Amino acid sequence: MPAKSHGMTAGKHNARHYPSIYGVWKNMKQRCTNPNNPRYADYGGRGITVCKRWLSFENFYADVGDRPKGMSLDRRNNDRGYSPSNCQWASTSAQNINSRRAKPTRIGNETMCISDWCRKTGITYGLYKARVRKGWSLEKALTTPPRKQVNN
């Protein structure tokens, strides 16, 4: 008797689910368990695991449901593995803040990652980086308006 199928793989009738949820599950498992995966060093190679329950697609899907538009699977604590208690759907902006690479930057009473500060202040990331390389403080680099170009 053939194994029971969850019906979420990329097929004629299920293609809409593949990149959305089955692909999320498949990629999560690959990053954590396959040493040949290009991202393994950042996940399985540093001890990030997938809980036993989520090794089954059906259990993973029962816990997280369909992927909300514009969201991706996020681990609340980046040093812990994938499990129902440590995962949520999050926007790219929220994930940037939660990234190991993100450096929370406080200006006044607000703390955001640099990319969010750039969006908020209208300073391009390239201008911000150039200013910091010239020795500007983070706050000055992010809050000083860009000079307007004068065309002759």
Protein backbone atom coordinates (compact mmCIF):
# COMPACT_ATOMS: atom_id res chain seq x y z
CA MET A 1 0.00 0.00 0.00
CA PRO A 2 1.52 3.41 -0.94
CA ALA A 3 2.40 5.91 1.78
CA LYS A 4 -0.21 8.53 2.60
CA SER A 5 0.46 11.80 0.79
CA HIS A 6 -0.10 15.19 2.37
CA GLY A 7 -0.98 16.62 -1.05
CA MET A 8 1.21 19.72 -0.67
CA THR A 9 3.99 18.97 -3.14
CA ALA A 10 4.20 20.85 -6.41
CA GLY A 11 1.69 19.18 -8.62
CA LYS A 12 -0.88 20.31 -11.11
CA HIS A 13 -3.51 20.90 -8.42
CA ASN A 14 -1.29 21.82 -5.47
CA ALA A 15 1.31 24.16 -6.96
CA ARG A 16 0.03 27.14 -5.00
CA HIS A 17 1.07 25.49 -1.72
CA TYR A 18 4.54 24.32 -2.69
CA PRO A 19 6.57 27.52 -2.41
CA SER A 20 4.37 28.75 0.35
CA ILE A 21 4.32 26.07 3.02
CA TYR A 22 5.74 22.75 1.88
CA GLY A 23 8.81 24.54 0.54
CA VAL A 24 9.24 26.39 3.85
CA TRP A 25 9.18 23.06 5.71
CA LYS A 26 11.49 21.34 3.22
CA ASN A 27 14.03 24.18 3.28
CA MET A 28 13.93 24.40 7.08
CA LYS A 29 14.73 20.70 7.36
CA GLN A 30 17.48 20.87 4.73
CA ARG A 31 19.26 23.80 6.41
CA CYS A 32 19.27 21.93 9.72
CA THR A 33 19.98 18.34 8.67
CA ASN A 34 21.83 18.25 5.35
CA PRO A 35 25.57 19.05 5.58
CA ASN A 36 25.56 19.55 1.78
CA ASN A 37 23.04 22.40 2.02
CA PRO A 38 24.76 25.77 1.38
CA ARG A 39 23.14 27.23 4.55
CA TYR A 40 23.93 24.25 6.81
CA ALA A 41 26.85 26.03 8.53
CA ASP A 42 24.48 28.77 9.73
CA TYR A 43 21.86 26.31 10.97
CA GLY A 44 22.58 22.62 11.60
CA GLY A 45 26.31 23.31 11.73
CA ARG A 46 25.83 25.58 14.73
CA GLY A 47 23.35 23.32 16.48
CA ILE A 48 20.00 24.59 15.16
CA THR A 49 17.64 21.61 15.04
CA VAL A 50 14.07 20.82 14.00
CA CYS A 51 11.94 19.39 16.81
CA LYS A 52 10.84 15.76 16.39
CA ARG A 53 7.22 16.79 15.89
CA TRP A 54 8.14 18.96 12.89
CA LEU A 55 10.06 16.24 11.09
CA SER A 56 6.58 15.32 9.84
CA PHE A 57 5.14 17.81 7.36
CA GLU A 58 1.60 17.13 8.57
CA ASN A 59 2.51 18.13 12.15
CA PHE A 60 4.41 21.21 10.99
CA TYR A 61 1.45 22.31 8.86
CA ALA A 62 -1.03 21.62 11.68
CA ASP A 63 1.01 23.91 13.96
CA VAL A 64 1.79 26.81 11.60
CA GLY A 65 -0.97 26.71 8.96
CA ASP A 66 -0.72 28.48 5.62
CA ARG A 67 2.02 31.03 5.15
CA PRO A 68 0.59 34.56 5.45
CA LYS A 69 1.37 36.76 2.44
CA GLY A 70 4.69 38.58 2.85
CA MET A 71 5.73 36.56 5.88
CA SER A 72 8.37 33.93 6.51
CA LEU A 73 9.12 31.52 9.34
CA ASP A 74 11.06 33.20 12.12
CA ARG A 75 12.71 31.80 15.24
CA ARG A 76 12.07 34.04 18.24
CA ASN A 77 15.39 33.00 19.77
CA ASN A 78 18.04 32.57 17.06
CA ASP A 79 20.11 30.26 19.25
CA ARG A 80 17.28 27.73 19.62
CA GLY A 81 15.86 25.36 17.04
CA TYR A 82 12.64 25.18 15.08
CA SER A 83 9.68 24.24 17.29
CA PRO A 84 6.13 25.48 17.92
CA SER A 85 7.24 27.43 21.01
CA ASN A 86 10.12 29.19 19.22
CA CYS A 87 8.63 29.97 15.80
CA GLN A 88 6.25 32.54 14.36
CA TRP A 89 5.38 34.08 11.00
CA ALA A 90 7.16 37.42 10.68
CA SER A 91 7.69 40.19 8.15
CA THR A 92 11.10 40.78 6.59
CA SER A 93 11.49 43.89 8.74
CA ALA A 94 10.80 41.95 11.94
CA GLN A 95 13.21 39.22 10.85
CA ASN A 96 15.93 41.78 10.15
CA ILE A 97 15.66 42.99 13.72
CA ASN A 98 15.81 39.41 15.01
CA SER A 99 18.81 38.48 12.83
CA ARG A 100 22.20 37.60 14.34
CA ARG A 101 23.68 40.23 12.02
CA ALA A 102 21.30 43.01 13.10
CA LYS A 103 22.74 45.61 15.40
CA PRO A 104 19.94 47.25 17.36
CA THR A 105 20.62 50.99 17.32
CA ARG A 106 19.05 53.35 19.82
CA ILE A 107 18.44 56.99 18.91
CA GLY A 108 16.44 58.91 21.49
CA ASN A 109 13.77 56.57 22.84
CA GLU A 110 13.60 54.32 19.76
CA THR A 111 15.57 51.17 18.97
CA MET A 112 15.61 49.77 15.43
CA CYS A 113 18.00 47.98 13.14
CA ILE A 114 19.97 50.15 10.70
CA SER A 115 17.85 49.24 7.67
CA ASP A 116 14.70 50.40 9.49
CA TRP A 117 16.42 53.63 10.59
CA CYS A 118 17.40 54.26 6.96
CA ARG A 119 13.80 53.76 5.82
CA LYS A 120 12.48 56.02 8.57
CA THR A 121 14.95 58.86 7.99
CA GLY A 122 15.17 58.63 4.19
CA ILE A 123 18.92 58.04 4.33
CA THR A 124 20.01 55.38 1.84
CA TYR A 125 21.98 52.49 3.28
CA GLY A 126 24.88 53.37 0.97
CA LEU A 127 25.00 56.96 2.27
CA TYR A 128 24.80 55.71 5.85
CA LYS A 129 27.75 53.32 5.27
CA ALA A 130 29.82 56.04 3.53
CA ARG A 131 29.26 58.41 6.45
CA VAL A 132 30.25 55.81 9.03
CA ARG A 133 33.43 55.01 7.03
CA LYS A 134 34.27 58.72 7.22
CA GLY A 135 34.04 58.54 11.01
CA TRP A 136 30.53 59.90 11.59
CA SER A 137 28.67 58.64 14.66
CA LEU A 138 25.76 56.27 13.97
CA GLU A 139 23.27 58.86 15.17
CA LYS A 140 24.71 61.67 13.04
CA ALA A 141 24.96 59.38 9.99
CA LEU A 142 21.29 58.43 10.34
CA THR A 143 19.79 61.81 11.26
CA THR A 144 21.66 64.34 9.12
CA PRO A 145 19.60 64.99 5.97
CA PRO A 146 21.42 64.36 2.70
CA ARG A 147 22.71 67.42 0.85
CA LYS A 148 20.64 68.38 -2.13
CA GLN A 149 22.48 68.14 -5.43
CA VAL A 150 22.77 71.43 -7.28
CA ASN A 151 22.46 71.08 -11.06
CA ASN A 152 24.14 73.73 -13.21
